[in-house]
Protein backbone atom coordinates (compact mmCIF):
# COMPACT_ATOMS: atom_id res chain seq x y z
CA UNK A 1 34.83 -8.41 -25.06
CA UNK A 2 31.34 -8.98 -23.68
CA UNK A 3 31.11 -8.41 -19.95
CA UNK A 4 28.71 -9.94 -17.45
CA UNK A 5 27.55 -8.07 -14.35
CA UNK A 6 26.22 -9.89 -11.31
CA UNK A 7 23.54 -7.50 -10.05
CA UNK A 8 23.04 -9.33 -6.74
CA UNK A 9 26.77 -9.19 -5.88
CA UNK A 10 26.98 -5.55 -6.94
CA UNK A 11 23.95 -4.76 -4.77
CA UNK A 12 25.81 -6.08 -1.73
CA UNK A 13 28.62 -3.56 -2.37
CA UNK A 14 26.29 -0.61 -3.00
CA UNK A 15 25.45 0.84 0.39
CA UNK A 16 25.61 4.66 0.41
CA UNK A 17 22.02 5.96 -0.02
CA UNK A 18 21.27 8.15 -3.01
CA UNK A 19 24.73 7.64 -4.58
CA UNK A 20 24.16 5.98 -7.96
CA UNK A 21 26.85 3.76 -9.46
CA UNK A 22 27.03 3.24 -13.23
CA UNK A 23 26.51 -0.45 -13.99
CA UNK A 24 26.35 -0.61 -17.79
CA UNK A 25 26.03 1.50 -20.91
CA UNK A 26 23.58 0.75 -23.72
CA UNK A 27 23.74 3.09 -26.72
CA UNK A 28 23.09 6.55 -25.26
CA UNK A 29 21.63 5.14 -22.05
CA UNK A 30 23.15 4.22 -18.70
CA UNK A 31 21.96 1.72 -16.13
CA UNK A 32 22.70 2.96 -12.64
CA UNK A 33 22.26 1.21 -9.32
CA UNK A 34 21.46 3.07 -6.13
CA UNK A 35 20.31 2.37 -2.61
CA UNK A 36 17.17 4.32 -1.74
CA UNK A 37 16.72 4.99 1.98
CA UNK A 38 14.89 7.94 3.45
CA UNK A 39 13.51 10.77 1.33
CA UNK A 40 15.14 12.22 -1.77
CA UNK A 41 14.28 15.76 -2.86
CA UNK A 42 11.49 16.83 -5.20
CA UNK A 43 12.82 17.22 -8.74
CA UNK A 44 12.04 16.71 -12.41
CA UNK A 45 13.91 15.98 -15.60
CA UNK A 46 12.74 18.39 -18.28
CA UNK A 47 14.04 16.45 -21.29
CA UNK A 48 14.24 12.81 -20.16
CA UNK A 49 12.05 9.98 -18.92
CA UNK A 50 13.41 7.93 -16.00
CA UNK A 51 12.86 4.22 -15.38
CA UNK A 52 13.01 2.75 -11.85
CA UNK A 53 13.37 -1.04 -11.35
CA UNK A 54 13.38 -2.39 -7.78
CA UNK A 55 15.95 -5.17 -7.25
CA UNK A 56 15.49 -5.46 -3.45
CA UNK A 57 13.05 -3.86 -1.02
CA UNK A 58 10.29 -1.43 -1.92
CA UNK A 59 10.04 2.27 -2.75
CA UNK A 60 7.42 4.95 -3.12
CA UNK A 61 7.67 7.65 -5.75
CA UNK A 62 5.58 10.65 -4.84
CA UNK A 63 4.25 12.43 -7.92
CA UNK A 64 3.31 16.12 -7.76
CA UNK A 65 -0.34 16.43 -8.80
CA UNK A 66 -0.77 12.68 -9.26
CA UNK A 67 -1.01 9.41 -7.40
CA UNK A 68 1.99 8.04 -5.54
CA UNK A 69 3.63 5.01 -7.17
CA UNK A 70 4.51 2.06 -4.91
CA UNK A 71 7.07 -0.41 -6.31
CA UNK A 72 8.08 -3.72 -4.77
CA UNK A 73 10.89 -6.12 -5.67
CA UNK A 74 10.69 -7.04 -9.35
CA UNK A 75 8.50 -4.09 -10.34
CA UNK A 76 9.33 -1.10 -12.49
CA UNK A 77 7.77 2.13 -13.69
CA UNK A 78 8.68 5.02 -15.95
CA UNK A 79 8.36 8.58 -14.70
CA UNK A 80 7.74 10.70 -17.80
CA UNK A 81 9.86 13.75 -18.54
CA UNK A 82 8.91 16.97 -16.82
CA UNK A 83 6.93 15.20 -14.05
CA UNK A 84 7.98 16.40 -10.61
CA UNK A 85 8.65 13.43 -8.35
CA UNK A 86 10.18 12.51 -5.00
CA UNK A 87 11.51 8.95 -4.47
CA UNK A 88 11.64 7.56 -0.94
CA UNK A 89 11.98 4.32 0.97
CA UNK A 90 11.49 3.38 4.62
CA UNK A 91 14.10 0.62 4.34
CA UNK A 92 17.31 0.36 2.32
CA UNK A 93 16.15 -0.69 -1.15
CA UNK A 94 18.27 -1.42 -4.22
CA UNK A 95 17.03 0.20 -7.42
CA UNK A 96 18.23 0.16 -11.02
CA UNK A 97 17.75 3.42 -12.91
CA UNK A 98 17.65 3.43 -16.71
CA UNK A 99 18.29 6.90 -18.05
CA UNK A 100 20.18 8.88 -20.70
CA UNK A 101 23.92 9.08 -20.02
CA UNK A 102 23.84 12.85 -19.79
CA UNK A 103 20.91 12.95 -17.35
CA UNK A 104 21.61 14.97 -14.22
CA UNK A 105 20.80 12.40 -11.54
CA UNK A 106 19.72 15.10 -9.13
CA UNK A 107 17.23 16.69 -11.51
CA UNK A 108 16.58 20.40 -11.52
């Protein structure tokens, strides 16, 4: 059976900051939804890239040794593997994360 997910309705139920919820699985990838609010910790993913797509609000991803990335609603970026980064948001913002299923969400 083919399932349909209403991202906007799911976003209304997702409220605990920094607690990703698995939304869908595609091959060896998972799409997770999380509310970003405040500052997450600095981390990196040694083996995997990580894609951030902003559904609501805006976020900043600080990049160690590089320029900060500012994303608004409808924008996405990919943080390459092994790049130390620190996501944050001044307001509750809903973000989809596209990453390998076995990715440790908290990084190293």
